[in-house]
Amino acid sequence: SDVPSSLVVFLVALPLCLGVALASTGDNPNLFS
């Protein structure tokens, strides 16, 4: 159950992690953060 669930959470988290980093770090985005 957990392996398929982790894939779903990963797909949700990836764009959100990038988006939050974009909004948080200003003009020179540090998306890896």
PDB file of all heavy atoms in Angstrom:
ATOM      1  N   SER A   1       0.828  -1.215   0.000  1.00  0.00           N
ATOM      2  CA  SER A   1       0.000   0.000   0.000  1.00  0.00           C
ATOM      3  C   SER A   1       0.856   1.256   0.000  1.00  0.00           C
ATOM      4  O   SER A   1       0.518   2.260  -0.645  1.00  0.00           O
ATOM      5  CB  SER A   1      -0.908   0.022   1.233  1.00  0.00           C
ATOM      6  OG  SER A   1      -1.769  -1.083   1.258  1.00  0.00           O
ATOM      7  N   ASP A   2       1.973   1.211   0.719  1.00  0.00           N
ATOM      8  CA  ASP A   2       2.780   2.419   0.914  1.00  0.00           C
ATOM      9  C   ASP A   2       3.575   2.832  -0.317  1.00  0.00           C
ATOM     10  O   ASP A   2       3.757   4.027  -0.563  1.00  0.00           O
ATOM     11  CB  ASP A   2       3.737   2.212   2.096  1.00  0.00           C
ATOM     12  CG  ASP A   2       3.000   2.148   3.422  1.00  0.00           C
ATOM     13  OD1 ASP A   2       1.925   2.775   3.518  1.00  0.00           O
ATOM     14  OD2 ASP A   2       3.487   1.475   4.348  1.00  0.00           O
ATOM     15  N   VAL A   3       4.054   1.875  -1.106  1.00  0.00           N
ATOM     16  CA  VAL A   3       4.857   2.228  -2.285  1.00  0.00           C
ATOM     17  C   VAL A   3       4.021   3.001  -3.311  1.00  0.00           C
ATOM     18  O   VAL A   3       4.440   4.073  -3.775  1.00  0.00           O
ATOM     19  CB  VAL A   3       5.510   0.968  -2.908  1.00  0.00           C
ATOM     20  CG1 VAL A   3       6.164   1.319  -4.238  1.00  0.00           C
ATOM     21  CG2 VAL A   3       6.553   0.382  -1.949  1.00  0.00           C
ATOM     22  N   PRO A   4       2.828   2.506  -3.705  1.00  0.00           N
ATOM     23  CA  PRO A   4       2.007   3.305  -4.631  1.00  0.00           C
ATOM     24  C   PRO A   4       1.601   4.662  -4.044  1.00  0.00           C
ATOM     25  O   PRO A   4       1.560   5.663  -4.757  1.00  0.00           O
ATOM     26  CB  PRO A   4       0.766   2.430  -4.856  1.00  0.00           C
ATOM     27  CG  PRO A   4       1.180   1.053  -4.492  1.00  0.00           C
ATOM     28  CD  PRO A   4       2.193   1.207  -3.405  1.00  0.00           C
ATOM     29  N   SER A   5       1.354   4.688  -2.739  1.00  0.00           N
ATOM     30  CA  SER A   5       0.971   5.951  -2.097  1.00  0.00           C
ATOM     31  C   SER A   5       2.108   6.964  -2.150  1.00  0.00           C
ATOM     32  O   SER A   5       1.882   8.162  -2.358  1.00  0.00           O
ATOM     33  CB  SER A   5       0.588   5.705  -0.629  1.00  0.00           C
ATOM     34  OG  SER A   5      -0.505   4.831  -0.532  1.00  0.00           O
ATOM     35  N   SER A   6       3.325   6.488  -1.958  1.00  0.00           N
ATOM     36  CA  SER A   6       4.475   7.396  -1.998  1.00  0.00           C
ATOM     37  C   SER A   6       4.617   8.041  -3.370  1.00  0.00           C
ATOM     38  O   SER A   6       5.031   9.204  -3.482  1.00  0.00           O
ATOM     39  CB  SER A   6       5.762   6.637  -1.633  1.00  0.00           C
ATOM     40  OG  SER A   6       6.122   5.712  -2.650  1.00  0.00           O
ATOM     41  N   LEU A   7       4.286   7.310  -4.418  1.00  0.00           N
ATOM     42  CA  LEU A   7       4.351   7.861  -5.776  1.00  0.00           C
ATOM     43  C   LEU A   7       3.335   8.985  -5.945  1.00  0.00           C
ATOM     44  O   LEU A   7       3.636  10.035  -6.527  1.00  0.00           O
ATOM     45  CB  LEU A   7       4.098   6.750  -6.801  1.00  0.00           C
ATOM     46  CG  LEU A   7       4.151   7.180  -8.273  1.00  0.00           C
ATOM     47  CD1 LEU A   7       5.527   7.740  -8.615  1.00  0.00           C
ATOM     48  CD2 LEU A   7       3.809   6.009  -9.193  1.00  0.00           C
ATOM     49  N   VAL A   8       2.126   8.783  -5.418  1.00  0.00           N
ATOM     50  CA  VAL A   8       1.086   9.820  -5.498  1.00  0.00           C
ATOM     51  C   VAL A   8       1.533  11.072  -4.742  1.00  0.00           C
ATOM     52  O   VAL A   8       1.432  12.196  -5.254  1.00  0.00           O
ATOM     53  CB  VAL A   8      -0.248   9.296  -4.919  1.00  0.00           C
ATOM     54  CG1 VAL A   8      -1.273  10.430  -4.815  1.00  0.00           C
ATOM     55  CG2 VAL A   8      -0.801   8.172  -5.785  1.00  0.00           C
ATOM     56  N   VAL A   9       2.060  10.896  -3.532  1.00  0.00           N
ATOM     57  CA  VAL A   9       2.510  12.033  -2.727  1.00  0.00           C
ATOM     58  C   VAL A   9       3.668  12.744  -3.420  1.00  0.00           C
ATOM     59  O   VAL A   9       3.744  13.981  -3.437  1.00  0.00           O
ATOM     60  CB  VAL A   9       2.925  11.587  -1.309  1.00  0.00           C
ATOM     61  CG1 VAL A   9       3.403  12.786  -0.489  1.00  0.00           C
ATOM     62  CG2 VAL A   9       1.767  10.919  -0.600  1.00  0.00           C
ATOM     63  N   PHE A  10       4.557  11.988  -4.024  1.00  0.00           N
ATOM     64  CA  PHE A  10       5.679  12.567  -4.779  1.00  0.00           C
ATOM     65  C   PHE A  10       5.171  13.456  -5.909  1.00  0.00           C
ATOM     66  O   PHE A  10       5.657  14.578  -6.109  1.00  0.00           O
ATOM     67  CB  PHE A  10       6.556  11.438  -5.333  1.00  0.00           C
ATOM     68  CG  PHE A  10       7.414  11.834  -6.498  1.00  0.00           C
ATOM     69  CD1 PHE A  10       8.520  12.659  -6.331  1.00  0.00           C
ATOM     70  CD2 PHE A  10       7.109  11.392  -7.781  1.00  0.00           C
ATOM     71  CE1 PHE A  10       9.296  13.035  -7.411  1.00  0.00           C
ATOM     72  CE2 PHE A  10       7.878  11.753  -8.863  1.00  0.00           C
ATOM     73  CZ  PHE A  10       8.983  12.574  -8.694  1.00  0.00           C
ATOM     74  N   LEU A  11       4.156  12.987  -6.641  1.00  0.00           N
ATOM     75  CA  LEU A  11       3.611  13.746  -7.765  1.00  0.00           C
ATOM     76  C   LEU A  11       2.913  15.023  -7.288  1.00  0.00           C
ATOM     77  O   LEU A  11       2.901  16.034  -7.990  1.00  0.00           O
ATOM     78  CB  LEU A  11       2.631  12.884  -8.569  1.00  0.00           C
ATOM     79  CG  LEU A  11       3.242  11.679  -9.288  1.00  0.00           C
ATOM     80  CD1 LEU A  11       2.163  10.830  -9.938  1.00  0.00           C
ATOM     81  CD2 LEU A  11       4.263  12.132 -10.323  1.00  0.00           C
ATOM     82  N   VAL A  12       2.321  14.967  -6.097  1.00  0.00           N
ATOM     83  CA  VAL A  12       1.712  16.163  -5.507  1.00  0.00           C
ATOM     84  C   VAL A  12       2.793  17.122  -5.014  1.00  0.00           C
ATOM     85  O   VAL A  12       2.715  18.341  -5.215  1.00  0.00           O
ATOM     86  CB  VAL A  12       0.769  15.780  -4.344  1.00  0.00           C
ATOM     87  CG1 VAL A  12       0.290  17.021  -3.593  1.00  0.00           C
ATOM     88  CG2 VAL A  12      -0.426  14.985  -4.860  1.00  0.00           C
ATOM     89  N   ALA A  13       3.824  16.567  -4.369  1.00  0.00           N
ATOM     90  CA  ALA A  13       4.837  17.381  -3.704  1.00  0.00           C
ATOM     91  C   ALA A  13       5.785  18.074  -4.678  1.00  0.00           C
ATOM     92  O   ALA A  13       6.218  19.205  -4.413  1.00  0.00           O
ATOM     93  CB  ALA A  13       5.642  16.516  -2.729  1.00  0.00           C
ATOM     94  N   LEU A  14       6.115  17.433  -5.793  1.00  0.00           N
ATOM     95  CA  LEU A  14       7.121  17.983  -6.704  1.00  0.00           C
ATOM     96  C   LEU A  14       6.766  19.394  -7.178  1.00  0.00           C
ATOM     97  O   LEU A  14       7.570  20.322  -6.994  1.00  0.00           O
ATOM     98  CB  LEU A  14       7.336  17.034  -7.888  1.00  0.00           C
ATOM     99  CG  LEU A  14       8.339  17.513  -8.951  1.00  0.00           C
ATOM    100  CD1 LEU A  14       9.720  17.707  -8.332  1.00  0.00           C
ATOM    101  CD2 LEU A  14       8.400  16.531 -10.120  1.00  0.00           C
ATOM    102  N   PRO A  15       5.597  19.603  -7.794  1.00  0.00           N
ATOM    103  CA  PRO A  15       5.296  20.979  -8.230  1.00  0.00           C
ATOM    104  C   PRO A  15       5.133  21.952  -7.073  1.00  0.00           C
ATOM    105  O   PRO A  15       5.465  23.135  -7.200  1.00  0.00           O
ATOM    106  CB  PRO A  15       3.980  20.814  -9.013  1.00  0.00           C
ATOM    107  CG  PRO A  15       3.393  19.524  -8.573  1.00  0.00           C
ATOM    108  CD  PRO A  15       4.536  18.658  -8.201  1.00  0.00           C
ATOM    109  N   LEU A  16       4.653  21.459  -5.912  1.00  0.00           N
ATOM    110  CA  LEU A  16       4.488  22.346  -4.762  1.00  0.00           C
ATOM    111  C   LEU A  16       5.840  22.769  -4.185  1.00  0.00           C
ATOM    112  O   LEU A  16       6.019  23.919  -3.795  1.00  0.00           O
ATOM    113  CB  LEU A  16       3.640  21.672  -3.686  1.00  0.00           C
ATOM    114  CG  LEU A  16       2.156  21.509  -4.031  1.00  0.00           C
ATOM    115  CD1 LEU A  16       1.434  20.734  -2.931  1.00  0.00           C
ATOM    116  CD2 LEU A  16       1.486  22.855  -4.256  1.00  0.00           C
ATOM    117  N   CYS A  17       6.790  21.850  -4.119  1.00  0.00           N
ATOM    118  CA  CYS A  17       8.145  22.185  -3.636  1.00  0.00           C
ATOM    119  C   CYS A  17       8.783  23.240  -4.540  1.00  0.00           C
ATOM    120  O   CYS A  17       9.384  24.211  -4.063  1.00  0.00           O
ATOM    121  CB  CYS A  17       9.028  20.941  -3.596  1.00  0.00           C
ATOM    122  SG  CYS A  17       8.652  19.797  -2.257  1.00  0.00           S
ATOM    123  N   LEU A  18       8.650  23.048  -5.851  1.00  0.00           N
ATOM    124  CA  LEU A  18       9.198  24.018  -6.804  1.00  0.00           C
ATOM    125  C   LEU A  18       8.487  25.359  -6.679  1.00  0.00           C
ATOM    126  O   LEU A  18       9.113  26.424  -6.696  1.00  0.00           O
ATOM    127  CB  LEU A  18       9.067  23.486  -8.232  1.00  0.00           C
ATOM    128  CG  LEU A  18       9.942  22.274  -8.601  1.00  0.00           C
ATOM    129  CD1 LEU A  18       9.549  21.714  -9.954  1.00  0.00           C
ATOM    130  CD2 LEU A  18      11.420  22.641  -8.587  1.00  0.00           C
ATOM    131  N   GLY A  19       7.149  25.299  -6.544  1.00  0.00           N
ATOM    132  CA  GLY A  19       6.365  26.527  -6.460  1.00  0.00           C
ATOM    133  C   GLY A  19       6.654  27.320  -5.207  1.00  0.00           C
ATOM    134  O   GLY A  19       6.810  28.550  -5.259  1.00  0.00           O
ATOM    135  N   VAL A  20       6.740  26.650  -4.069  1.00  0.00           N
ATOM    136  CA  VAL A  20       7.020  27.341  -2.808  1.00  0.00           C
ATOM    137  C   VAL A  20       8.420  27.950  -2.843  1.00  0.00           C
ATOM    138  O   VAL A  20       8.633  29.082  -2.383  1.00  0.00           O
ATOM    139  CB  VAL A  20       6.875  26.374  -1.610  1.00  0.00           C
ATOM    140  CG1 VAL A  20       7.375  27.020  -0.324  1.00  0.00           C
ATOM    141  CG2 VAL A  20       5.419  25.958  -1.445  1.00  0.00           C
ATOM    142  N   ALA A  21       9.388  27.221  -3.413  1.00  0.00           N
ATOM    143  CA  ALA A  21      10.753  27.754  -3.526  1.00  0.00           C
ATOM    144  C   ALA A  21      10.785  28.967  -4.449  1.00  0.00           C
ATOM    145  O   ALA A  21      11.484  29.955  -4.180  1.00  0.00           O
ATOM    146  CB  ALA A  21      11.696  26.669  -4.047  1.00  0.00           C
ATOM    147  N   LEU A  22      10.035  28.907  -5.537  1.00  0.00           N
ATOM    148  CA  LEU A  22       9.961  30.033  -6.461  1.00  0.00           C
ATOM    149  C   LEU A  22       9.415  31.270  -5.755  1.00  0.00           C
ATOM    150  O   LEU A  22       9.960  32.374  -5.889  1.00  0.00           O
ATOM    151  CB  LEU A  22       9.064  29.665  -7.650  1.00  0.00           C
ATOM    152  CG  LEU A  22       8.676  30.800  -8.603  1.00  0.00           C
ATOM    153  CD1 LEU A  22       9.911  31.312  -9.332  1.00  0.00           C
ATOM    154  CD2 LEU A  22       7.628  30.325  -9.605  1.00  0.00           C
ATOM    155  N   ALA A  23       8.341  31.101  -4.996  1.00  0.00           N
ATOM    156  CA  ALA A  23       7.708  32.231  -4.317  1.00  0.00           C
ATOM    157  C   ALA A  23       8.541  32.736  -3.142  1.00  0.00           C
ATOM    158  O   ALA A  23       8.480  33.913  -2.796  1.00  0.00           O
ATOM    159  CB  ALA A  23       6.324  31.827  -3.821  1.00  0.00           C
ATOM    160  N   SER A  24       9.335  31.854  -2.540  1.00  0.00           N
ATOM    161  CA  SER A  24      10.053  32.197  -1.312  1.00  0.00           C
ATOM    162  C   SER A  24      11.376  32.909  -1.554  1.00  0.00           C
ATOM    163  O   SER A  24      11.802  33.713  -0.715  1.00  0.00           O
ATOM    164  CB  SER A  24      10.327  30.934  -0.488  1.00  0.00           C
ATOM    165  OG  SER A  24       9.143  30.294  -0.117  1.00  0.00           O
ATOM    166  N   THR A  25      12.031  32.602  -2.662  1.00  0.00           N
ATOM    167  CA  THR A  25      13.424  33.036  -2.812  1.00  0.00           C
ATOM    168  C   THR A  25      13.622  34.180  -3.791  1.00  0.00           C
ATOM    169  O   THR A  25      14.737  34.499  -4.172  1.00  0.00           O
ATOM    170  CB  THR A  25      14.313  31.845  -3.200  1.00  0.00           C
ATOM    171  OG1 THR A  25      13.753  31.172  -4.339  1.00  0.00           O
ATOM    172  CG2 THR A  25      14.424  30.847  -2.062  1.00  0.00           C
ATOM    173  N   GLY A  26      12.518  34.798  -4.224  1.00  0.00           N
ATOM    174  CA  GLY A  26      12.620  36.061  -4.931  1.00  0.00           C
ATOM    175  C   GLY A  26      13.124  35.989  -6.348  1.00  0.00           C
ATOM    176  O   GLY A  26      12.848  35.051  -7.088  1.00  0.00           O
ATOM    177  N   ASP A  27      13.899  37.004  -6.742  1.00  0.00           N
ATOM    178  CA  ASP A  27      14.284  37.194  -8.137  1.00  0.00           C
ATOM    179  C   ASP A  27      15.293  36.162  -8.631  1.00  0.00           C
ATOM    180  O   ASP A  27      15.330  35.847  -9.819  1.00  0.00           O
ATOM    181  CB  ASP A  27      14.861  38.599  -8.321  1.00  0.00           C
ATOM    182  CG  ASP A  27      15.219  38.876  -9.767  1.00  0.00           C
ATOM    183  OD1 ASP A  27      14.334  38.720 -10.630  1.00  0.00           O
ATOM    184  OD2 ASP A  27      16.383  39.214 -10.030  1.00  0.00           O
ATOM    185  N   ASN A  28      16.124  35.658  -7.734  1.00  0.00           N
ATOM    186  CA  ASN A  28      17.096  34.619  -8.121  1.00  0.00           C
ATOM    187  C   ASN A  28      16.678  33.312  -7.454  1.00  0.00           C
ATOM    188  O   ASN A  28      17.248  32.906  -6.444  1.00  0.00           O
ATOM    189  CB  ASN A  28      18.512  35.014  -7.686  1.00  0.00           C
ATOM    190  CG  ASN A  28      18.971  36.282  -8.379  1.00  0.00           C
ATOM    191  OD1 ASN A  28      18.951  36.364  -9.604  1.00  0.00           O
ATOM    192  ND2 ASN A  28      19.372  37.278  -7.598  1.00  0.00           N
ATOM    193  N   PRO A  29      15.664  32.655  -8.012  1.00  0.00           N
ATOM    194  CA  PRO A  29      15.058  31.506  -7.315  1.00  0.00           C
ATOM    195  C   PRO A  29      16.046  30.376  -7.044  1.00  0.00           C
ATOM    196  O   PRO A  29      16.791  29.959  -7.930  1.00  0.00           O
ATOM    197  CB  PRO A  29      13.966  31.039  -8.287  1.00  0.00           C
ATOM    198  CG  PRO A  29      13.713  32.208  -9.184  1.00  0.00           C
ATOM    199  CD  PRO A  29      15.028  32.920  -9.304  1.00  0.00           C
ATOM    200  N   ASN A  30      16.048  29.932  -5.806  1.00  0.00           N
ATOM    201  CA  ASN A  30      16.840  28.758  -5.430  1.00  0.00           C
ATOM    202  C   ASN A  30      15.855  27.595  -5.297  1.00  0.00           C
ATOM    203  O   ASN A  30      15.399  27.275  -4.212  1.00  0.00           O
ATOM    204  CB  ASN A  30      17.572  29.036  -4.114  1.00  0.00           C
ATOM    205  CG  ASN A  30      18.391  27.849  -3.643  1.00  0.00           C
ATOM    206  OD1 ASN A  30      18.415  26.795  -4.291  1.00  0.00           O
ATOM    207  ND2 ASN A  30      19.056  28.004  -2.524  1.00  0.00           N
ATOM    208  N   LEU A  31      15.525  26.981  -6.444  1.00  0.00           N
ATOM    209  CA  LEU A  31      14.487  25.955  -6.449  1.00  0.00           C
ATOM    210  C   LEU A  31      14.939  24.674  -5.755  1.00  0.00           C
ATOM    211  O   LEU A  31      14.116  23.932  -5.219  1.00  0.00           O
ATOM    212  CB  LEU A  31      14.062  25.648  -7.888  1.00  0.00           C
ATOM    213  CG  LEU A  31      13.507  26.851  -8.672  1.00  0.00           C
ATOM    214  CD1 LEU A  31      12.977  26.404 -10.019  1.00  0.00           C
ATOM    215  CD2 LEU A  31      12.415  27.556  -7.897  1.00  0.00           C
ATOM    216  N   PHE A  32      16.227  24.428  -5.750  1.00  0.00           N
ATOM    217  CA  PHE A  32      16.720  23.224  -5.071  1.00  0.00           C
ATOM    218  C   PHE A  32      16.436  23.288  -3.579  1.00  0.00           C
ATOM    219  O   PHE A  32      16.232  22.251  -2.930  1.00  0.00           O
ATOM    220  CB  PHE A  32      18.218  23.039  -5.314  1.00  0.00           C
ATOM    221  CG  PHE A  32      18.779  21.813  -4.644  1.00  0.00           C
ATOM    222  CD1 PHE A  32      18.482  20.545  -5.121  1.00  0.00           C
ATOM    223  CD2 PHE A  32      19.579  21.929  -3.513  1.00  0.00           C
ATOM    224  CE1 PHE A  32      18.974  19.408  -4.490  1.00  0.00           C
ATOM    225  CE2 PHE A  32      20.087  20.799  -2.882  1.00  0.00           C
ATOM    226  CZ  PHE A  32      19.784  19.537  -3.372  1.00  0.00           C
ATOM    227  N   SER A  33      16.388  24.514  -3.011  1.00  0.00           N
ATOM    228  CA  SER A  33      16.111  24.641  -1.569  1.00  0.00           C
ATOM    229  C   SER A  33      14.725  24.093  -1.235  1.00  0.00           C
ATOM    230  O   SER A  33      14.512  23.544  -0.151  1.00  0.00           O
ATOM    231  CB  SER A  33      16.215  26.106  -1.130  1.00  0.00           C
ATOM    232  OG  SER A  33      15.209  26.893  -1.753  1.00  0.00           O
TER     233      SER A  33
END
